[in-house]
Amino acid sequence: MKLIRSLDRFSKSFADLIPEIALNITARVAVFMIFWPSAQTKLGGSTVLGQKWQFWELSPSTFMLFEYDYNLPIIPANIAAYAATWGEFFLSIFVLLGLLTRISALALLVMVLVIQVFVYPHLWASHLLWASALLYLLKYGSGQFSADALTGRHS
């Protein structure tokens, strides 16, 4: 028991050395690295600096995925394809920059919920990890090193 208490105190002391900015940036980069590559797989068109930027040009396979594989209820497949791709594209950039962070995190959290319930219900462990970073950003915001902080929206 004494060993456990000592290790616990050591862990707490070590954790206290981690600055809040490291948590904010890590969460923002992690969320970006989840959603940006996914958006890239859905886009057509040419690349600039190894990335696709033509968010208005979705690949034919994206429409096929939303029509035949994802099969979302209520929303027509072509609208869902654009909404999901644009969400992944723009919201991931916003989160990375720390711009409208809480709104972006909430929107991506809704997207994760839709993906979990309707698209990949067996991947709950991954989605739980995604949700934890998004919940952190939703609660604590983007931090001091962000576009929100520059515009006075960080609190």
N, C-alpha and C. Protein backbone atom coordinates (compact mmCIF):
# COMPACT_ATOMS: atom_id res chain seq x y z
N MET A 1 0.81 -1.20 0.00
CA MET A 1 0.00 0.00 0.00
C MET A 1 0.85 1.27 0.00
N LYS A 2 1.94 1.23 0.78
CA LYS A 2 2.82 2.38 0.83
C LYS A 2 3.46 2.62 -0.54
N LEU A 3 3.85 1.54 -1.21
CA LEU A 3 4.43 1.64 -2.55
C LEU A 3 3.41 2.25 -3.52
N ILE A 4 2.19 1.81 -3.45
CA ILE A 4 1.14 2.33 -4.34
C ILE A 4 0.92 3.82 -4.09
N ARG A 5 0.87 4.23 -2.83
CA ARG A 5 0.70 5.65 -2.51
C ARG A 5 1.89 6.47 -3.02
N SER A 6 3.08 5.94 -2.90
CA SER A 6 4.27 6.65 -3.39
C SER A 6 4.23 6.79 -4.90
N LEU A 7 3.88 5.71 -5.58
CA LEU A 7 3.77 5.77 -7.04
C LEU A 7 2.66 6.72 -7.47
N ASP A 8 1.57 6.74 -6.73
CA ASP A 8 0.47 7.64 -7.05
C ASP A 8 0.91 9.10 -6.89
N ARG A 9 1.62 9.42 -5.80
CA ARG A 9 2.12 10.78 -5.58
C ARG A 9 3.12 11.17 -6.68
N PHE A 10 3.99 10.23 -7.04
CA PHE A 10 4.95 10.49 -8.11
C PHE A 10 4.22 10.77 -9.42
N SER A 11 3.21 9.95 -9.74
CA SER A 11 2.43 10.14 -10.97
C SER A 11 1.75 11.49 -10.99
N LYS A 12 1.18 11.88 -9.87
CA LYS A 12 0.50 13.17 -9.77
C LYS A 12 1.50 14.30 -9.94
N SER A 13 2.65 14.18 -9.31
CA SER A 13 3.69 15.21 -9.44
C SER A 13 4.16 15.33 -10.89
N PHE A 14 4.33 14.19 -11.53
CA PHE A 14 4.74 14.20 -12.94
C PHE A 14 3.64 14.83 -13.80
N ALA A 15 2.39 14.47 -13.57
CA ALA A 15 1.27 15.00 -14.34
C ALA A 15 1.14 16.52 -14.16
N ASP A 16 1.45 17.00 -12.97
CA ASP A 16 1.38 18.44 -12.72
C ASP A 16 2.39 19.23 -13.55
N LEU A 17 3.42 18.56 -14.05
CA LEU A 17 4.42 19.23 -14.89
C LEU A 17 3.93 19.44 -16.32
N ILE A 18 2.87 18.74 -16.72
CA ILE A 18 2.36 18.84 -18.09
C ILE A 18 1.57 20.13 -18.22
N PRO A 19 2.00 21.02 -19.09
CA PRO A 19 1.25 22.29 -19.24
C PRO A 19 -0.06 22.07 -19.99
N GLU A 20 -1.04 22.88 -19.65
CA GLU A 20 -2.36 22.79 -20.28
C GLU A 20 -2.27 22.94 -21.80
N ILE A 21 -1.35 23.78 -22.27
CA ILE A 21 -1.20 23.99 -23.71
C ILE A 21 -0.84 22.69 -24.43
N ALA A 22 -0.08 21.82 -23.78
CA ALA A 22 0.28 20.53 -24.38
C ALA A 22 -0.96 19.66 -24.57
N LEU A 23 -1.86 19.71 -23.61
CA LEU A 23 -3.10 18.93 -23.73
C LEU A 23 -3.99 19.48 -24.84
N ASN A 24 -4.12 20.79 -24.90
CA ASN A 24 -4.95 21.41 -25.94
C ASN A 24 -4.42 21.10 -27.34
N ILE A 25 -3.14 21.31 -27.51
CA ILE A 25 -2.55 21.08 -28.85
C ILE A 25 -2.60 19.61 -29.22
N THR A 26 -2.31 18.73 -28.27
CA THR A 26 -2.36 17.30 -28.55
C THR A 26 -3.76 16.87 -28.96
N ALA A 27 -4.77 17.33 -28.25
CA ALA A 27 -6.15 16.98 -28.59
C ALA A 27 -6.52 17.52 -29.96
N ARG A 28 -6.12 18.75 -30.27
CA ARG A 28 -6.47 19.34 -31.56
C ARG A 28 -5.78 18.62 -32.71
N VAL A 29 -4.50 18.31 -32.54
CA VAL A 29 -3.77 17.59 -33.60
C VAL A 29 -4.34 16.19 -33.77
N ALA A 30 -4.67 15.52 -32.67
CA ALA A 30 -5.22 14.17 -32.76
C ALA A 30 -6.54 14.17 -33.52
N VAL A 31 -7.42 15.12 -33.22
CA VAL A 31 -8.70 15.20 -33.92
C VAL A 31 -8.47 15.48 -35.40
N PHE A 32 -7.57 16.40 -35.70
CA PHE A 32 -7.24 16.70 -37.10
C PHE A 32 -6.75 15.44 -37.82
N MET A 33 -5.88 14.69 -37.17
CA MET A 33 -5.29 13.51 -37.80
C MET A 33 -6.30 12.36 -37.97
N ILE A 34 -7.43 12.44 -37.32
CA ILE A 34 -8.50 11.47 -37.54
C ILE A 34 -9.33 11.86 -38.75
N PHE A 35 -9.77 13.12 -38.80
CA PHE A 35 -10.77 13.52 -39.78
C PHE A 35 -10.18 14.02 -41.10
N TRP A 36 -9.03 14.67 -41.08
CA TRP A 36 -8.44 15.17 -42.32
C TRP A 36 -8.12 14.05 -43.32
N PRO A 37 -7.43 12.98 -42.91
CA PRO A 37 -7.16 11.90 -43.87
C PRO A 37 -8.45 11.26 -44.41
N SER A 38 -9.47 11.21 -43.58
CA SER A 38 -10.74 10.66 -44.04
C SER A 38 -11.35 11.55 -45.13
N ALA A 39 -11.28 12.86 -44.94
CA ALA A 39 -11.76 13.77 -45.97
C ALA A 39 -10.96 13.60 -47.26
N GLN A 40 -9.65 13.42 -47.12
CA GLN A 40 -8.79 13.26 -48.29
C GLN A 40 -9.19 12.05 -49.14
N THR A 41 -9.65 10.98 -48.49
CA THR A 41 -10.05 9.79 -49.26
C THR A 41 -11.33 10.01 -50.03
N LYS A 42 -12.11 11.00 -49.64
CA LYS A 42 -13.40 11.26 -50.27
C LYS A 42 -13.33 12.27 -51.42
N LEU A 43 -12.23 13.01 -51.50
CA LEU A 43 -12.11 14.07 -52.49
C LEU A 43 -11.53 13.57 -53.80
N GLY A 44 -11.98 14.20 -54.87
CA GLY A 44 -11.40 13.97 -56.19
C GLY A 44 -10.48 15.13 -56.51
N GLY A 45 -10.06 15.20 -57.74
CA GLY A 45 -9.25 16.34 -58.16
C GLY A 45 -7.77 16.14 -57.89
N SER A 46 -7.03 17.19 -58.22
CA SER A 46 -5.57 17.15 -58.11
C SER A 46 -5.12 17.50 -56.69
N THR A 47 -3.82 17.31 -56.48
CA THR A 47 -3.26 17.59 -55.16
C THR A 47 -2.33 18.78 -55.23
N VAL A 48 -2.23 19.47 -54.11
CA VAL A 48 -1.28 20.55 -53.92
C VAL A 48 -0.56 20.24 -52.62
N LEU A 49 0.75 20.15 -52.68
CA LEU A 49 1.56 19.79 -51.52
C LEU A 49 1.13 18.43 -50.94
N GLY A 50 0.73 17.54 -51.83
CA GLY A 50 0.35 16.19 -51.42
C GLY A 50 -1.04 16.06 -50.82
N GLN A 51 -1.81 17.15 -50.82
CA GLN A 51 -3.16 17.13 -50.23
C GLN A 51 -4.18 17.59 -51.26
N LYS A 52 -5.38 17.08 -51.12
CA LYS A 52 -6.48 17.51 -51.99
C LYS A 52 -7.22 18.65 -51.31
N TRP A 53 -7.44 19.72 -52.05
CA TRP A 53 -8.06 20.92 -51.50
C TRP A 53 -9.39 21.25 -52.16
N GLN A 54 -9.75 20.53 -53.21
CA GLN A 54 -10.99 20.81 -53.93
C GLN A 54 -12.16 20.13 -53.21
N PHE A 55 -12.60 20.75 -52.13
CA PHE A 55 -13.65 20.17 -51.30
C PHE A 55 -14.99 20.04 -52.04
N TRP A 56 -15.15 20.73 -53.13
CA TRP A 56 -16.39 20.67 -53.90
C TRP A 56 -16.40 19.49 -54.87
N GLU A 57 -15.26 18.84 -55.04
CA GLU A 57 -15.15 17.75 -56.00
C GLU A 57 -14.96 16.41 -55.28
N LEU A 58 -16.06 15.72 -55.08
CA LEU A 58 -16.01 14.42 -54.41
C LEU A 58 -15.76 13.32 -55.44
N SER A 59 -15.06 12.29 -55.03
CA SER A 59 -14.76 11.18 -55.92
C SER A 59 -16.02 10.34 -56.13
N PRO A 60 -16.13 9.67 -57.28
CA PRO A 60 -17.27 8.79 -57.53
C PRO A 60 -17.42 7.69 -56.46
N SER A 61 -16.29 7.21 -55.94
CA SER A 61 -16.36 6.15 -54.93
C SER A 61 -17.00 6.67 -53.63
N THR A 62 -16.86 7.95 -53.36
CA THR A 62 -17.50 8.52 -52.17
C THR A 62 -19.01 8.41 -52.27
N PHE A 63 -19.54 8.76 -53.43
CA PHE A 63 -21.00 8.66 -53.62
C PHE A 63 -21.46 7.21 -53.53
N MET A 64 -20.65 6.30 -54.06
CA MET A 64 -21.01 4.88 -53.98
C MET A 64 -21.02 4.39 -52.54
N LEU A 65 -20.03 4.81 -51.75
CA LEU A 65 -19.99 4.43 -50.34
C LEU A 65 -21.24 4.89 -49.59
N PHE A 66 -21.61 6.13 -49.80
CA PHE A 66 -22.77 6.66 -49.09
C PHE A 66 -24.07 6.06 -49.62
N GLU A 67 -24.10 5.69 -50.88
CA GLU A 67 -25.32 5.10 -51.45
C GLU A 67 -25.50 3.65 -51.03
N TYR A 68 -24.43 2.86 -51.06
CA TYR A 68 -24.58 1.41 -50.89
C TYR A 68 -24.02 0.85 -49.58
N ASP A 69 -22.97 1.45 -49.03
CA ASP A 69 -22.37 0.89 -47.82
C ASP A 69 -22.87 1.57 -46.54
N TYR A 70 -22.85 2.89 -46.52
CA TYR A 70 -23.19 3.59 -45.29
C TYR A 70 -24.69 3.60 -45.03
N ASN A 71 -25.47 3.80 -46.08
CA ASN A 71 -26.93 3.67 -46.00
C ASN A 71 -27.51 4.40 -44.79
N LEU A 72 -27.24 5.68 -44.68
CA LEU A 72 -27.74 6.48 -43.58
C LEU A 72 -29.24 6.72 -43.72
N PRO A 73 -29.96 6.67 -42.61
CA PRO A 73 -31.40 6.95 -42.69
C PRO A 73 -31.66 8.46 -42.82
N ILE A 74 -32.78 8.81 -43.34
CA ILE A 74 -33.31 10.17 -43.44
C ILE A 74 -32.61 11.03 -44.49
N ILE A 75 -31.30 11.14 -44.43
CA ILE A 75 -30.56 12.03 -45.33
C ILE A 75 -30.25 11.31 -46.64
N PRO A 76 -30.56 11.91 -47.79
CA PRO A 76 -30.19 11.31 -49.08
C PRO A 76 -28.67 11.13 -49.17
N ALA A 77 -28.26 10.08 -49.85
CA ALA A 77 -26.84 9.71 -49.90
C ALA A 77 -25.96 10.83 -50.45
N ASN A 78 -26.38 11.53 -51.49
CA ASN A 78 -25.52 12.57 -52.06
C ASN A 78 -25.36 13.75 -51.11
N ILE A 79 -26.40 14.10 -50.37
CA ILE A 79 -26.30 15.18 -49.38
C ILE A 79 -25.42 14.74 -48.22
N ALA A 80 -25.59 13.50 -47.77
CA ALA A 80 -24.77 12.97 -46.68
C ALA A 80 -23.30 12.94 -47.08
N ALA A 81 -23.01 12.58 -48.34
CA ALA A 81 -21.63 12.52 -48.82
C ALA A 81 -20.97 13.90 -48.75
N TYR A 82 -21.68 14.91 -49.25
CA TYR A 82 -21.13 16.27 -49.19
C TYR A 82 -21.01 16.76 -47.75
N ALA A 83 -22.04 16.55 -46.94
CA ALA A 83 -22.02 17.04 -45.56
C ALA A 83 -20.88 16.40 -44.76
N ALA A 84 -20.72 15.10 -44.89
CA ALA A 84 -19.66 14.41 -44.15
C ALA A 84 -18.27 14.86 -44.62
N THR A 85 -18.09 14.95 -45.93
CA THR A 85 -16.79 15.34 -46.47
C THR A 85 -16.45 16.77 -46.08
N TRP A 86 -17.41 17.67 -46.25
CA TRP A 86 -17.15 19.07 -45.89
C TRP A 86 -16.91 19.20 -44.40
N GLY A 87 -17.66 18.44 -43.60
CA GLY A 87 -17.44 18.46 -42.16
C GLY A 87 -16.04 18.01 -41.80
N GLU A 88 -15.63 16.88 -42.36
CA GLU A 88 -14.28 16.38 -42.09
C GLU A 88 -13.22 17.37 -42.58
N PHE A 89 -13.46 17.96 -43.72
CA PHE A 89 -12.49 18.89 -44.32
C PHE A 89 -12.38 20.16 -43.49
N PHE A 90 -13.49 20.89 -43.34
CA PHE A 90 -13.43 22.20 -42.69
C PHE A 90 -13.31 22.12 -41.18
N LEU A 91 -14.09 21.25 -40.56
CA LEU A 91 -14.06 21.19 -39.10
C LEU A 91 -12.72 20.70 -38.57
N SER A 92 -12.07 19.80 -39.31
CA SER A 92 -10.74 19.35 -38.86
C SER A 92 -9.73 20.49 -38.95
N ILE A 93 -9.82 21.30 -39.99
CA ILE A 93 -8.93 22.47 -40.10
C ILE A 93 -9.23 23.46 -38.97
N PHE A 94 -10.52 23.71 -38.71
CA PHE A 94 -10.89 24.64 -37.64
C PHE A 94 -10.34 24.16 -36.30
N VAL A 95 -10.49 22.87 -36.02
CA VAL A 95 -9.99 22.34 -34.75
C VAL A 95 -8.47 22.47 -34.68
N LEU A 96 -7.79 22.14 -35.74
CA LEU A 96 -6.32 22.26 -35.75
C LEU A 96 -5.88 23.69 -35.46
N LEU A 97 -6.53 24.65 -36.08
CA LEU A 97 -6.18 26.05 -35.88
C LEU A 97 -6.70 26.60 -34.55
N GLY A 98 -7.63 25.88 -33.94
CA GLY A 98 -8.26 26.39 -32.73
C GLY A 98 -9.25 27.49 -33.05
N LEU A 99 -9.96 27.35 -34.15
CA LEU A 99 -10.93 28.34 -34.61
C LEU A 99 -12.33 27.77 -34.44
N LEU A 100 -13.18 28.48 -33.71
CA LEU A 100 -14.53 27.98 -33.41
C LEU A 100 -14.45 26.55 -32.86
N THR A 101 -13.55 26.37 -31.95
CA THR A 101 -13.18 25.04 -31.48
C THR A 101 -14.35 24.29 -30.85
N ARG A 102 -15.06 24.94 -29.95
CA ARG A 102 -16.15 24.23 -29.26
C ARG A 102 -17.26 23.85 -30.23
N ILE A 103 -17.63 24.75 -31.13
CA ILE A 103 -18.67 24.45 -32.13
C ILE A 103 -18.21 23.32 -33.04
N SER A 104 -16.96 23.39 -33.48
CA SER A 104 -16.41 22.35 -34.35
C SER A 104 -16.33 21.01 -33.65
N ALA A 105 -15.91 21.02 -32.39
CA ALA A 105 -15.83 19.77 -31.62
C ALA A 105 -17.22 19.17 -31.44
N LEU A 106 -18.21 19.99 -31.17
CA LEU A 106 -19.58 19.49 -31.02
C LEU A 106 -20.08 18.87 -32.32
N ALA A 107 -19.86 19.55 -33.43
CA ALA A 107 -20.29 19.02 -34.73
C ALA A 107 -19.58 17.69 -35.05
N LEU A 108 -18.29 17.62 -34.78
CA LEU A 108 -17.56 16.37 -35.02
C LEU A 108 -18.00 15.27 -34.06
N LEU A 109 -18.38 15.64 -32.85
CA LEU A 109 -18.90 14.66 -31.89
C LEU A 109 -20.21 14.06 -32.41
N VAL A 110 -21.05 14.89 -32.98
CA VAL A 110 -22.29 14.39 -33.60
C VAL A 110 -21.95 13.46 -34.76
N MET A 111 -20.94 13.83 -35.54
CA MET A 111 -20.52 12.98 -36.65
C MET A 111 -20.02 11.63 -36.14
N VAL A 112 -19.25 11.64 -35.07
CA VAL A 112 -18.76 10.39 -34.48
C VAL A 112 -19.93 9.52 -34.03
N LEU A 113 -20.92 10.14 -33.44
CA LEU A 113 -22.11 9.40 -32.99
C LEU A 113 -22.84 8.75 -34.18
N VAL A 114 -22.99 9.50 -35.26
CA VAL A 114 -23.63 8.95 -36.47
C VAL A 114 -22.81 7.80 -37.03
N ILE A 115 -21.49 7.98 -37.09
CA ILE A 115 -20.62 6.91 -37.60
C ILE A 115 -20.74 5.67 -36.72
N GLN A 116 -20.75 5.88 -35.41
CA GLN A 116 -20.84 4.75 -34.47
C GLN A 116 -22.16 4.00 -34.62
N VAL A 117 -23.26 4.74 -34.67
CA VAL A 117 -24.58 4.11 -34.67
C VAL A 117 -24.92 3.50 -36.03
N PHE A 118 -24.64 4.20 -37.11
CA PHE A 118 -25.14 3.78 -38.41
C PHE A 118 -24.11 3.18 -39.36
N VAL A 119 -22.84 3.52 -39.20
CA VAL A 119 -21.85 3.12 -40.21
C VAL A 119 -20.95 1.99 -39.71
N TYR A 120 -20.26 2.22 -38.61
CA TYR A 120 -19.32 1.23 -38.09
C TYR A 120 -19.58 0.96 -36.61
N PRO A 121 -20.69 0.30 -36.27
CA PRO A 121 -21.02 0.07 -34.86
C PRO A 121 -20.02 -0.82 -34.13
N HIS A 122 -19.26 -1.61 -34.86
CA HIS A 122 -18.28 -2.50 -34.24
C HIS A 122 -16.99 -1.78 -33.85
N LEU A 123 -16.82 -0.54 -34.25
CA LEU A 123 -15.59 0.20 -33.95
C LEU A 123 -15.76 1.15 -32.76
N TRP A 124 -16.55 0.74 -31.78
CA TRP A 124 -16.85 1.62 -30.65
C TRP A 124 -15.61 2.01 -29.87
N ALA A 125 -14.61 1.16 -29.78
CA ALA A 125 -13.40 1.52 -29.01
C ALA A 125 -12.67 2.70 -29.66
N SER A 126 -12.54 2.68 -30.97
CA SER A 126 -11.92 3.81 -31.67
C SER A 126 -12.76 5.07 -31.52
N HIS A 127 -14.06 4.93 -31.68
CA HIS A 127 -14.94 6.09 -31.60
C HIS A 127 -14.95 6.68 -30.20
N LEU A 128 -14.79 5.84 -29.20
CA LEU A 128 -14.71 6.33 -27.82
C LEU A 128 -13.45 7.17 -27.62
N LEU A 129 -12.36 6.75 -28.22
CA LEU A 129 -11.12 7.54 -28.15
C LEU A 129 -11.30 8.89 -28.86
N TRP A 130 -11.92 8.87 -30.03
CA TRP A 130 -12.17 10.12 -30.76
C TRP A 130 -13.04 11.04 -29.91
N ALA A 131 -14.09 10.46 -29.34
CA ALA A 131 -15.03 11.25 -28.54
C ALA A 131 -14.34 11.85 -27.32
N SER A 132 -13.40 11.15 -26.73
CA SER A 132 -12.74 11.68 -25.53
C SER A 132 -11.95 12.96 -25.86
N ALA A 133 -11.25 12.99 -26.97
CA ALA A 133 -10.53 14.20 -27.37
C ALA A 133 -11.52 15.32 -27.71
N LEU A 134 -12.61 14.98 -28.37
CA LEU A 134 -13.61 15.99 -28.73
C LEU A 134 -14.32 16.53 -27.49
N LEU A 135 -14.62 15.66 -26.53
CA LEU A 135 -15.25 16.11 -25.29
C LEU A 135 -14.32 17.04 -24.52
N TYR A 136 -13.03 16.73 -24.51
CA TYR A 136 -12.05 17.61 -23.87
C TYR A 136 -12.10 18.99 -24.51
N LEU A 137 -12.06 19.04 -25.85
CA LEU A 137 -12.07 20.33 -26.55
C LEU A 137 -13.39 21.06 -26.34
N LEU A 138 -14.48 20.33 -26.31
CA LEU A 138 -15.78 20.93 -26.08
C LEU A 138 -15.82 21.58 -24.69
N LYS A 139 -15.29 20.91 -23.70
CA LYS A 139 -15.31 21.42 -22.33
C LYS A 139 -14.29 22.54 -22.10
N TYR A 140 -13.06 22.34 -22.54
CA TYR A 140 -11.98 23.26 -22.18
C TYR A 140 -11.60 24.24 -23.30
N GLY A 141 -12.09 24.03 -24.50
CA GLY A 141 -11.77 24.93 -25.59
C GLY A 141 -10.39 24.67 -26.17
N SER A 142 -9.93 25.62 -26.94
CA SER A 142 -8.73 25.43 -27.75
C SER A 142 -7.42 25.78 -27.05
N GLY A 143 -7.50 26.49 -25.97
CA GLY A 143 -6.27 26.86 -25.26
C GLY A 143 -5.74 28.21 -25.71
N GLN A 144 -4.62 28.60 -25.12
CA GLN A 144 -4.05 29.92 -25.34
C GLN A 144 -3.38 30.07 -26.70
N PHE A 145 -2.91 28.99 -27.27
CA PHE A 145 -2.21 29.03 -28.56
C PHE A 145 -3.21 28.61 -29.64
N SER A 146 -4.11 29.53 -30.00
CA SER A 146 -5.18 29.19 -30.94
C SER A 146 -5.74 30.45 -31.58
N ALA A 147 -6.45 30.25 -32.67
CA ALA A 147 -7.15 31.37 -33.31
C ALA A 147 -8.25 31.91 -32.40
N ASP A 148 -8.90 31.04 -31.63
CA ASP A 148 -9.91 31.50 -30.69
C ASP A 148 -9.31 32.46 -29.67
N ALA A 149 -8.12 32.16 -29.19
CA ALA A 149 -7.46 33.04 -28.22
C ALA A 149 -7.13 34.39 -28.85
N LEU A 150 -6.71 34.38 -30.10
CA LEU A 150 -6.39 35.63 -30.80
C LEU A 150 -7.62 36.50 -31.00
N THR A 151 -8.77 35.89 -31.17
CA THR A 151 -10.00 36.64 -31.42
C THR A 151 -10.79 36.88 -30.14
N GLY A 152 -10.27 36.41 -29.01
CA GLY A 152 -10.93 36.65 -27.74
C GLY A 152 -12.06 35.68 -27.42
N ARG A 153 -12.20 34.60 -28.20
CA ARG A 153 -13.26 33.62 -27.96
C ARG A 153 -12.85 32.53 -27.00
N HIS A 154 -11.59 32.44 -26.66
CA HIS A 154 -11.12 31.40 -25.74
C HIS A 154 -11.45 31.81 -24.31
N SER A 155 -11.98 30.86 -23.57
CA SER A 155 -12.22 31.14 -22.14
C SER A 155 -11.91 29.90 -21.33
